[in-house]
């Protein structure tokens, strides 16, 4: 897999997590622990994407 393809895959996963976070936050009685976990996953993906783009 090329770096560009890997970045696209990570971007896709990042976008899906963003959608899940939005859905969970709008849900009545949303689970704050679940939201925190999703946000951490999203941040890790963002860091991976930025690292690949920088060439680290």
C-alpha atoms as a PDB file:
ATOM      1  CA  UNK A   1       0.000   0.000   0.000  1.00  0.00           C
ATOM      2  CA  UNK A   2       1.360   3.395  -0.910  1.00  0.00           C
ATOM      3  CA  UNK A   3       1.633   6.163   1.633  1.00  0.00           C
ATOM      4  CA  UNK A   4      -1.070   8.121  -0.214  1.00  0.00           C
ATOM      5  CA  UNK A   5      -3.451   5.155  -0.093  1.00  0.00           C
ATOM      6  CA  UNK A   6      -2.719   4.659   3.600  1.00  0.00           C
ATOM      7  CA  UNK A   7      -3.427   8.344   4.279  1.00  0.00           C
ATOM      8  CA  UNK A   8      -6.723   8.085   2.376  1.00  0.00           C
ATOM      9  CA  UNK A   9      -7.704   5.032   4.445  1.00  0.00           C
ATOM     10  CA  UNK A  10      -6.850   6.834   7.693  1.00  0.00           C
ATOM     11  CA  UNK A  11      -8.766   9.922   6.488  1.00  0.00           C
ATOM     12  CA  UNK A  12     -11.797   7.735   5.827  1.00  0.00           C
ATOM     13  CA  UNK A  13     -11.617   6.204   9.300  1.00  0.00           C
ATOM     14  CA  UNK A  14     -11.167   9.707  10.764  1.00  0.00           C
ATOM     15  CA  UNK A  15     -14.316  10.926   8.971  1.00  0.00           C
ATOM     16  CA  UNK A  16     -16.317   7.905  10.178  1.00  0.00           C
ATOM     17  CA  UNK A  17     -15.243   8.588  13.752  1.00  0.00           C
ATOM     18  CA  UNK A  18     -16.267  12.222  13.318  1.00  0.00           C
ATOM     19  CA  UNK A  19     -19.745  11.067  12.247  1.00  0.00           C
ATOM     20  CA  UNK A  20     -19.980   8.666  15.199  1.00  0.00           C
ATOM     21  CA  UNK A  21     -18.955  11.418  17.619  1.00  0.00           C
ATOM     22  CA  UNK A  22     -21.571  13.754  16.199  1.00  0.00           C
ATOM     23  CA  UNK A  23     -24.302  11.100  16.400  1.00  0.00           C
ATOM     24  CA  UNK A  24     -23.379  10.133  19.953  1.00  0.00           C
ATOM     25  CA  UNK A  25     -23.226  13.725  21.158  1.00  0.00           C
ATOM     26  CA  UNK A  26     -26.703  14.449  19.775  1.00  0.00           C
ATOM     27  CA  UNK A  27     -28.216  11.355  21.353  1.00  0.00           C
ATOM     28  CA  UNK A  28     -30.167  12.004  24.557  1.00  0.00           C
ATOM     29  CA  UNK A  29     -28.240  10.620  27.499  1.00  0.00           C
ATOM     30  CA  UNK A  30     -25.080  10.280  25.470  1.00  0.00           C
ATOM     31  CA  UNK A  31     -22.290   8.233  27.007  1.00  0.00           C
ATOM     32  CA  UNK A  32     -19.482  10.597  27.967  1.00  0.00           C
ATOM     33  CA  UNK A  33     -16.975   7.744  28.313  1.00  0.00           C
ATOM     34  CA  UNK A  34     -17.835   6.514  24.814  1.00  0.00           C
ATOM     35  CA  UNK A  35     -17.472  10.048  23.463  1.00  0.00           C
ATOM     36  CA  UNK A  36     -14.081  10.436  25.124  1.00  0.00           C
ATOM     37  CA  UNK A  37     -12.919   7.128  23.682  1.00  0.00           C
ATOM     38  CA  UNK A  38     -14.057   8.054  20.179  1.00  0.00           C
ATOM     39  CA  UNK A  39     -12.343  11.440  20.428  1.00  0.00           C
ATOM     40  CA  UNK A  40      -9.079   9.808  21.535  1.00  0.00           C
ATOM     41  CA  UNK A  41      -9.241   7.414  18.588  1.00  0.00           C
ATOM     42  CA  UNK A  42      -9.897  10.323  16.241  1.00  0.00           C
ATOM     43  CA  UNK A  43      -6.937  12.263  17.649  1.00  0.00           C
ATOM     44  CA  UNK A  44      -4.614   9.263  17.246  1.00  0.00           C
ATOM     45  CA  UNK A  45      -5.675   8.919  13.614  1.00  0.00           C
ATOM     46  CA  UNK A  46      -5.085  12.625  13.032  1.00  0.00           C
ATOM     47  CA  UNK A  47      -1.604  12.339  14.522  1.00  0.00           C
ATOM     48  CA  UNK A  48      -0.833   9.324  12.308  1.00  0.00           C
ATOM     49  CA  UNK A  49      -2.043  11.172   9.217  1.00  0.00           C
ATOM     50  CA  UNK A  50       0.046  14.253  10.027  1.00  0.00           C
ATOM     51  CA  UNK A  51       3.103  12.105  10.710  1.00  0.00           C
ATOM     52  CA  UNK A  52       2.746  10.353   7.344  1.00  0.00           C
ATOM     53  CA  UNK A  53       2.297  13.662   5.539  1.00  0.00           C
ATOM     54  CA  UNK A  54       5.455  15.052   7.179  1.00  0.00           C
ATOM     55  CA  UNK A  55       7.352  11.895   6.282  1.00  0.00           C
ATOM     56  CA  UNK A  56       8.221  10.924   9.860  1.00  0.00           C
END
